[in-house]
Amino acid sequence: MEPEFHTLGTFEFPADVQIIKGKLESEGIPVFLRDETTINSAPLISSAIGGVKLQVYTIDRERAQGIFNEIRNY
């Protein structure tokens, strides 16, 4: 069975997601940044492709969402 992913949020630029990514990884949650390389190569197309998508495995969704919400409050 192929792993399923859940998108926690989208960000205009890869730098915007790094703090949340680091926190999730420090809590043992694998993180995937979809379209990060594309936007690093051509930042002006970020809006056209929907930005960088912060994704986690669906099995980690609830725990990751709680951490994500805590960080967003700041």
Protein backbone atom coordinates (compact mmCIF):
# COMPACT_ATOMS: atom_id res chain seq x y z
CA MET A 1 0.00 0.00 0.00
CA GLU A 2 1.29 3.43 -0.94
CA PRO A 3 1.60 5.96 1.91
CA GLU A 4 -0.99 8.72 1.96
CA PHE A 5 -0.09 12.33 2.64
CA HIS A 6 -1.96 15.16 4.30
CA THR A 7 -1.20 18.79 3.44
CA LEU A 8 -1.00 20.85 6.65
CA GLY A 9 -0.54 24.17 4.88
CA THR A 10 0.85 26.05 1.92
CA PHE A 11 3.48 28.76 1.91
CA GLU A 12 4.52 31.26 -0.73
CA PHE A 13 8.24 30.61 -0.36
CA PRO A 14 10.30 27.68 0.99
CA ALA A 15 11.92 29.87 3.66
CA ASP A 16 8.48 30.52 5.19
CA VAL A 17 8.01 26.85 6.11
CA GLN A 18 11.42 26.04 7.61
CA ILE A 19 10.62 26.70 11.30
CA ILE A 20 7.51 24.53 11.23
CA LYS A 21 9.36 21.82 9.29
CA GLY A 22 12.17 21.81 11.85
CA LYS A 23 9.78 21.59 14.79
CA LEU A 24 7.81 18.72 13.27
CA GLU A 25 10.99 16.81 12.45
CA SER A 26 12.32 17.39 15.98
CA GLU A 27 9.13 15.73 17.25
CA GLY A 28 9.83 12.69 15.05
CA ILE A 29 7.30 13.51 12.32
CA PRO A 30 8.60 13.07 8.76
CA VAL A 31 7.90 16.16 6.63
CA PHE A 32 7.71 16.54 2.87
CA LEU A 33 7.81 19.87 1.04
CA ARG A 34 6.03 19.49 -2.27
CA ASP A 35 7.08 21.90 -5.05
CA GLU A 36 9.96 23.29 -2.94
CA THR A 37 12.59 22.70 -5.62
CA THR A 38 10.42 24.18 -8.35
CA ILE A 39 9.82 27.38 -6.39
CA ASN A 40 13.49 27.64 -5.40
CA SER A 41 14.31 27.50 -9.11
CA ALA A 42 11.62 29.96 -10.21
CA PRO A 43 10.18 31.92 -7.25
CA LEU A 44 7.83 34.02 -9.38
CA ILE A 45 5.65 31.00 -10.24
CA SER A 46 4.85 30.26 -6.61
CA SER A 47 1.33 31.69 -6.82
CA ALA A 48 0.65 29.88 -10.08
CA ILE A 49 1.39 26.43 -8.63
CA GLY A 50 -0.06 27.05 -5.19
CA GLY A 51 3.15 27.57 -3.21
CA VAL A 52 5.12 25.06 -1.18
CA LYS A 53 2.91 22.36 0.35
CA LEU A 54 3.87 21.15 3.83
CA GLN A 55 2.88 17.48 3.91
CA VAL A 56 3.00 14.72 6.51
CA TYR A 57 1.91 11.10 6.47
CA THR A 58 -1.81 10.78 7.15
CA ILE A 59 -1.03 8.62 10.18
CA ASP A 60 0.81 11.62 11.76
CA ARG A 61 -1.89 14.13 10.81
CA GLU A 62 -3.47 14.82 14.21
CA ARG A 63 -0.21 15.21 16.12
CA ALA A 64 1.30 17.31 13.34
CA GLN A 65 -1.79 19.53 13.16
CA GLY A 66 -1.55 20.27 16.88
CA ILE A 67 2.10 21.28 16.60
CA PHE A 68 1.39 23.31 13.46
CA ASN A 69 -1.43 25.21 15.20
CA GLU A 70 0.79 26.01 18.21
CA ILE A 71 3.48 27.50 15.98
CA ARG A 72 1.01 29.47 13.85
CA ASN A 73 -0.20 31.29 16.98
CA TYR A 74 3.16 33.06 17.11
